[in-house]
Protein backbone atom coordinates (compact mmCIF):
# COMPACT_ATOMS: atom_id res chain seq x y z
CA MET A 1 7.03 9.84 -8.45
CA LYS A 2 5.46 12.04 -5.84
CA ILE A 3 1.94 10.70 -5.38
CA GLY A 4 -0.97 12.13 -3.39
CA LEU A 5 -3.90 9.97 -2.33
CA ASP A 6 -7.17 11.15 -0.85
CA PHE A 7 -7.44 9.43 2.52
CA GLY A 8 -11.24 9.15 2.82
CA GLY A 9 -12.67 7.21 -0.10
CA VAL A 10 -9.40 6.02 -1.63
CA ILE A 11 -7.76 4.49 1.46
CA THR A 12 -10.60 4.32 4.00
CA ASP A 13 -14.26 3.40 3.60
CA VAL A 14 -16.47 4.84 6.34
CA ARG A 15 -19.81 3.55 5.03
CA ALA A 16 -20.34 0.74 7.59
CA VAL A 17 -19.47 2.97 10.55
CA ARG A 18 -21.61 5.79 9.15
CA LEU A 19 -24.58 3.44 8.66
CA ARG A 20 -24.25 2.01 12.18
CA LEU A 21 -24.12 5.50 13.69
CA MET A 22 -27.02 6.66 11.55
CA LYS A 23 -29.09 3.72 12.78
CA GLN A 24 -28.28 4.70 16.35
CA MET A 25 -29.05 8.40 15.76
CA LEU A 26 -32.18 8.09 13.65
CA GLY A 27 -33.34 4.53 13.98
CA VAL A 28 -32.79 3.90 10.27
CA ARG A 29 -33.41 0.21 9.62
CA GLU A 30 -32.63 -0.37 5.95
CA SER A 31 -29.09 -1.06 4.82
CA ALA A 32 -28.75 2.10 2.74
CA HIS A 33 -25.39 2.22 0.98
CA VAL A 34 -25.38 5.94 0.26
CA LEU A 35 -25.48 8.26 3.24
CA GLU A 36 -24.74 11.81 2.16
CA LEU A 37 -26.78 14.83 3.11
CA SER A 38 -27.59 15.64 -0.51
CA LEU A 39 -28.79 12.08 -1.09
CA ASP A 40 -30.50 11.37 2.23
CA PRO A 41 -33.20 13.88 3.16
CA ARG A 42 -33.75 12.21 6.55
CA LEU A 43 -30.73 14.11 7.88
CA SER A 44 -30.97 17.74 8.87
CA LEU A 45 -27.81 19.81 8.48
CA ASP A 46 -27.27 19.62 12.24
CA GLU A 47 -27.66 15.81 12.24
CA TYR A 48 -25.32 15.49 9.26
CA GLN A 49 -22.66 17.59 10.98
CA LYS A 50 -23.04 15.53 14.16
CA LEU A 51 -22.71 12.32 12.14
CA GLN A 52 -19.61 13.64 10.35
CA HIS A 53 -18.05 14.60 13.68
CA LEU A 54 -18.75 11.15 15.15
CA VAL A 55 -17.23 9.39 12.14
CA TYR A 56 -14.24 11.64 11.50
CA GLY A 57 -13.60 13.34 14.84
CA THR A 58 -13.82 10.60 17.45
CA SER A 59 -12.39 7.16 18.12
CA GLU A 60 -15.20 5.77 15.94
CA PHE A 61 -12.77 6.35 13.08
CA LEU A 62 -10.64 3.48 14.38
CA ASN A 63 -13.49 1.14 13.32
CA VAL A 64 -13.54 2.12 9.64
CA SER A 65 -12.52 -0.35 6.96
CA ALA A 66 -9.81 -0.04 4.40
CA VAL A 67 -10.91 0.18 0.77
CA PRO A 68 -10.27 -3.27 -0.77
CA ASN A 69 -6.59 -3.65 -1.78
CA ALA A 70 -5.71 -0.12 -0.64
CA LEU A 71 -3.26 -1.07 2.10
CA ARG A 72 -1.44 -3.65 0.00
CA SER A 73 -1.22 -1.22 -2.91
CA LEU A 74 -0.02 1.63 -0.69
CA LYS A 75 2.79 -0.54 0.66
CA GLN A 76 3.65 -1.65 -2.89
CA LEU A 77 3.87 1.96 -4.12
CA LYS A 78 6.31 2.77 -1.33
CA GLN A 79 8.36 -0.37 -2.07
CA GLN A 80 8.59 0.78 -5.69
CA GLY A 81 10.24 3.98 -4.47
CA HIS A 82 7.36 6.38 -4.84
CA THR A 83 6.86 9.14 -2.29
CA VAL A 84 3.26 8.84 -1.16
CA TRP A 85 1.26 11.43 0.78
CA LEU A 86 -2.20 10.82 2.20
CA VAL A 87 -4.22 14.04 1.97
CA SER A 88 -7.43 14.67 3.88
CA ASN A 89 -10.03 17.28 4.80
CA MET A 90 -10.34 15.68 8.23
CA GLN A 91 -11.18 17.89 11.19
CA VAL A 92 -8.40 18.63 13.66
CA THR A 93 -9.93 16.43 16.37
CA GLY A 94 -9.84 13.44 14.01
CA VAL A 95 -6.22 13.64 12.87
CA GLN A 96 -4.97 11.68 15.90
CA PHE A 97 -7.44 8.89 15.10
CA ALA A 98 -6.47 8.83 11.43
CA LYS A 99 -2.80 8.54 12.38
CA GLN A 100 -3.62 5.80 14.89
CA TRP A 101 -5.64 3.96 12.22
CA LEU A 102 -2.64 4.11 9.88
CA THR A 103 -0.28 2.87 12.60
CA ASP A 104 -2.69 0.05 13.46
CA HIS A 105 -2.58 -0.95 9.77
CA GLU A 106 1.24 -0.75 9.62
CA ILE A 107 1.32 2.38 7.45
CA ASP A 108 3.69 5.27 8.21
CA SER A 109 1.46 7.98 9.68
CA THR A 110 3.99 10.76 9.00
CA SER A 111 2.81 10.75 5.38
CA PHE A 112 -0.65 11.94 6.46
CA VAL A 113 -1.64 15.58 6.12
CA SER A 114 -5.01 17.23 6.69
CA VAL A 115 -6.01 20.62 5.32
CA GLY A 116 -8.99 20.70 7.70
CA VAL A 117 -12.71 20.77 7.01
CA GLY A 118 -13.33 23.06 4.06
CA GLY A 119 -9.59 23.40 3.47
CA ASP A 120 -8.18 23.51 -0.04
CA LYS A 121 -6.12 20.43 -0.89
CA LYS A 122 -4.42 22.49 -3.59
CA MET A 123 -2.42 24.19 -0.82
CA VAL A 124 -0.59 20.90 -0.26
CA LEU A 125 -0.76 19.45 -3.75
CA GLN A 126 0.71 22.44 -5.58
CA HIS A 127 4.16 21.37 -4.38
CA GLU A 128 5.36 19.34 -7.37
CA PHE A 129 3.12 16.29 -7.14
CA ASP A 130 3.23 14.06 -10.22
CA LEU A 131 -0.04 12.25 -9.59
CA TYR A 132 -3.11 12.65 -7.42
CA VAL A 133 -6.09 10.37 -6.75
CA ASP A 134 -9.29 11.60 -5.10
CA ALA A 135 -12.84 10.29 -4.70
CA ARG A 136 -14.32 13.75 -5.37
CA SER A 137 -14.39 15.03 -8.94
CA GLU A 138 -14.67 18.68 -7.86
CA VAL A 139 -11.36 18.44 -5.98
CA LEU A 140 -9.68 17.01 -9.08
CA ALA A 141 -11.20 19.66 -11.34
CA SER A 142 -9.54 22.35 -9.21
CA LEU A 143 -6.15 20.68 -9.78
CA VAL A 144 -6.22 20.54 -13.59
CA GLY A 145 -3.08 22.28 -14.81
CA THR A 146 -1.36 21.83 -11.44
CA ILE A 147 -0.73 18.06 -11.38
CA PRO A 148 0.03 16.10 -14.58
CA HIS A 149 -1.85 12.87 -13.71
CA LEU A 150 -5.28 13.06 -12.05
CA PHE A 151 -7.48 10.07 -11.23
CA LEU A 152 -11.01 9.86 -9.88
CA PHE A 153 -11.29 6.79 -7.67
CA ASP A 154 -14.66 5.25 -8.44
CA THR A 155 -17.04 5.06 -5.46
CA VAL A 156 -20.77 4.76 -4.93
CA TYR A 157 -20.78 8.50 -4.22
CA ASN A 158 -19.28 9.61 -7.54
CA ARG A 159 -20.60 7.10 -10.07
CA ASP A 160 -22.79 9.75 -11.72
CA ASP A 161 -20.01 12.34 -11.92
CA ARG A 162 -18.79 13.05 -15.43
CA VAL A 163 -15.05 13.43 -15.78
CA GLU A 164 -13.20 15.00 -18.66
CA VAL A 165 -9.62 14.75 -19.82
CA PRO A 166 -7.13 15.07 -18.19
CA ILE A 167 -9.00 13.42 -15.27
CA VAL A 168 -9.32 9.65 -15.64
CA ARG A 169 -11.68 7.41 -13.65
CA ALA A 170 -10.12 4.35 -12.00
CA GLU A 171 -12.43 1.55 -10.89
CA GLY A 172 -10.64 0.07 -7.91
CA TRP A 173 -7.07 -0.40 -6.84
CA GLY A 174 -6.25 -3.02 -9.50
CA GLU A 175 -6.96 -0.59 -12.31
CA LEU A 176 -5.43 2.32 -10.41
CA MET A 177 -2.12 0.49 -9.92
CA LYS A 178 -1.90 -0.19 -13.66
CA ARG A 179 -2.57 3.48 -14.39
CA ILE A 180 0.03 4.60 -11.85
CA GLU A 181 2.57 2.22 -13.39
CA TYR A 182 1.86 3.68 -16.83
CA ALA A 183 2.14 7.26 -15.52
CA ALA A 184 5.46 6.36 -13.88
CA SER A 185 6.77 5.01 -17.18
CA LEU A 186 5.74 8.27 -18.90
CA ASN A 187 7.52 10.30 -16.24
CA ALA A 188 10.64 8.17 -16.53
CA ALA A 189 10.62 8.50 -20.34
CA SER A 190 10.25 12.28 -20.20
CA ALA A 191 13.07 12.51 -17.62
CA THR A 192 15.47 10.64 -19.90
CA GLY A 193 14.29 12.04 -23.18
């Protein structure tokens, strides 16, 4: 199958780096686990954009963590013969750091593509993808009817988002791998039947 995976939120988890930088910028002391502009009124739009640039557009990105089991699962998907693309809205200045992060974690960086900040992932994903996983429900909603299998990767940021068929929520890589395996069996059955 041709699989697309959202890079930020499905493969990488920037929360610890974002929190550290926010502490440096604003002197925030508590260990807040949600740091989005809409959820954290301490950040002005200018501060939020600066924070986003520091996390996604500088070498700070090399310090982000992998989502638990993401790297192992990504390697497993490739070993199973799937074509996997990592799709991002990362700013141009951050692409080199994302590719370096992948190389540092022994993942082929040529499978990484960024549509840029504010870019439409549909421009990449409309090219015969069988399955796509994102951490943002609004991205998935725009792909209904374009990609047969759509999964919302459960994160602290999207827990309150309601999803409707055909989008399915997956709580972690263990569940996601089972769902991908099932989708692959459906694709194989339809190809032979």
